[in-house]
């Protein structure tokens, strides 16, 4: 797992903002398991985890242009997943 302040995340976010599909795929791959783990640890099943996963990444697409601290993407993803799991 990458640390909370990952410069690699900032680079991937910058590339995603430019429309780089490979960068988007890398972000999704990097954080998919984390989102599932957050949701499952809240007591939900895999179907709910899949729904939350879709919601988290749909929101990320919306927030990408105005994400103030892209190096803190992991924290944003965890917070969003926890909120959705509730």
Protein backbone atom coordinates (compact mmCIF):
# COMPACT_ATOMS: atom_id res chain seq x y z
CA UNK A 1 0.00 0.00 0.00
CA UNK A 2 1.28 3.44 -0.84
CA UNK A 3 1.76 5.96 1.98
CA UNK A 4 -0.87 8.65 2.55
CA UNK A 5 1.31 11.36 1.00
CA UNK A 6 2.26 9.69 -2.24
CA UNK A 7 3.99 11.81 -4.88
CA UNK A 8 3.15 9.02 -7.31
CA UNK A 9 -0.53 9.74 -6.69
CA UNK A 10 0.00 13.42 -7.51
CA UNK A 11 1.67 12.45 -10.80
CA UNK A 12 -1.15 10.03 -11.66
CA UNK A 13 -3.80 12.65 -10.82
CA UNK A 14 -2.04 15.18 -13.06
CA UNK A 15 -1.97 12.65 -15.88
CA UNK A 16 -5.65 11.78 -15.32
CA UNK A 17 -6.51 15.48 -15.53
CA UNK A 18 -4.93 15.44 -18.99
CA UNK A 19 -7.10 12.51 -20.05
CA UNK A 20 -4.53 9.74 -19.67
CA UNK A 21 -6.53 6.50 -19.54
CA UNK A 22 -3.51 4.46 -18.43
CA UNK A 23 -3.06 6.74 -15.42
CA UNK A 24 -6.73 6.29 -14.52
CA UNK A 25 -6.39 2.51 -14.80
CA UNK A 26 -3.33 2.67 -12.52
CA UNK A 27 -5.23 4.66 -9.88
CA UNK A 28 -8.15 2.26 -9.98
CA UNK A 29 -5.86 -0.75 -9.70
CA UNK A 30 -3.88 0.85 -6.88
CA UNK A 31 -6.94 1.60 -4.73
CA UNK A 32 -9.55 -1.01 -5.63
CA UNK A 33 -8.55 -3.41 -2.85
CA UNK A 34 -8.44 -0.58 -0.32
CA UNK A 35 -12.01 0.48 -1.09
CA UNK A 36 -13.22 -3.10 -0.82
CA UNK A 37 -11.37 -3.54 2.48
CA UNK A 38 -12.89 -0.39 3.97
CA UNK A 39 -16.41 -1.46 3.02
CA UNK A 40 -15.97 -5.08 4.09
CA UNK A 41 -14.53 -3.99 7.45
CA UNK A 42 -17.71 -1.99 7.99
CA UNK A 43 -19.61 -5.28 7.84
CA UNK A 44 -20.92 -5.16 4.29
CA UNK A 45 -20.86 -7.87 1.65
CA UNK A 46 -19.03 -7.93 -1.68
CA UNK A 47 -22.05 -6.62 -3.60
CA UNK A 48 -22.21 -3.53 -1.41
CA UNK A 49 -18.44 -3.15 -1.69
CA UNK A 50 -18.75 -3.21 -5.49
CA UNK A 51 -21.45 -0.52 -5.37
CA UNK A 52 -19.33 1.65 -3.06
CA UNK A 53 -16.30 1.10 -5.30
CA UNK A 54 -18.24 2.41 -8.30
CA UNK A 55 -19.53 5.39 -6.35
CA UNK A 56 -16.11 6.31 -4.95
CA UNK A 57 -14.46 6.30 -8.36
CA UNK A 58 -17.39 8.09 -10.02
CA UNK A 59 -17.00 10.82 -7.40
CA UNK A 60 -13.26 10.88 -7.96
CA UNK A 61 -13.83 11.58 -11.65
CA UNK A 62 -16.03 14.52 -10.66
CA UNK A 63 -13.60 15.86 -8.06
CA UNK A 64 -10.36 15.27 -9.97
CA UNK A 65 -10.20 18.77 -11.50
CA UNK A 66 -10.48 20.47 -8.11
CA UNK A 67 -8.68 17.99 -5.87
CA UNK A 68 -6.57 20.39 -3.78
CA UNK A 69 -4.02 17.88 -2.48
CA UNK A 70 -3.61 15.09 -5.01
CA UNK A 71 -0.72 13.63 -3.01
CA UNK A 72 -3.31 12.84 -0.31
CA UNK A 73 -5.53 10.87 -2.66
CA UNK A 74 -5.45 7.77 -0.47
CA UNK A 75 -6.94 9.71 2.46
CA UNK A 76 -9.64 11.13 0.17
CA UNK A 77 -10.50 7.65 -1.09
CA UNK A 78 -10.66 6.14 2.41
CA UNK A 79 -12.84 8.98 3.71
CA UNK A 80 -15.19 8.74 0.74
CA UNK A 81 -15.42 4.94 1.02
CA UNK A 82 -16.19 5.16 4.75
CA UNK A 83 -18.92 7.73 4.16
CA UNK A 84 -20.47 5.64 1.41
CA UNK A 85 -20.28 2.51 3.54
CA UNK A 86 -22.39 4.20 6.18
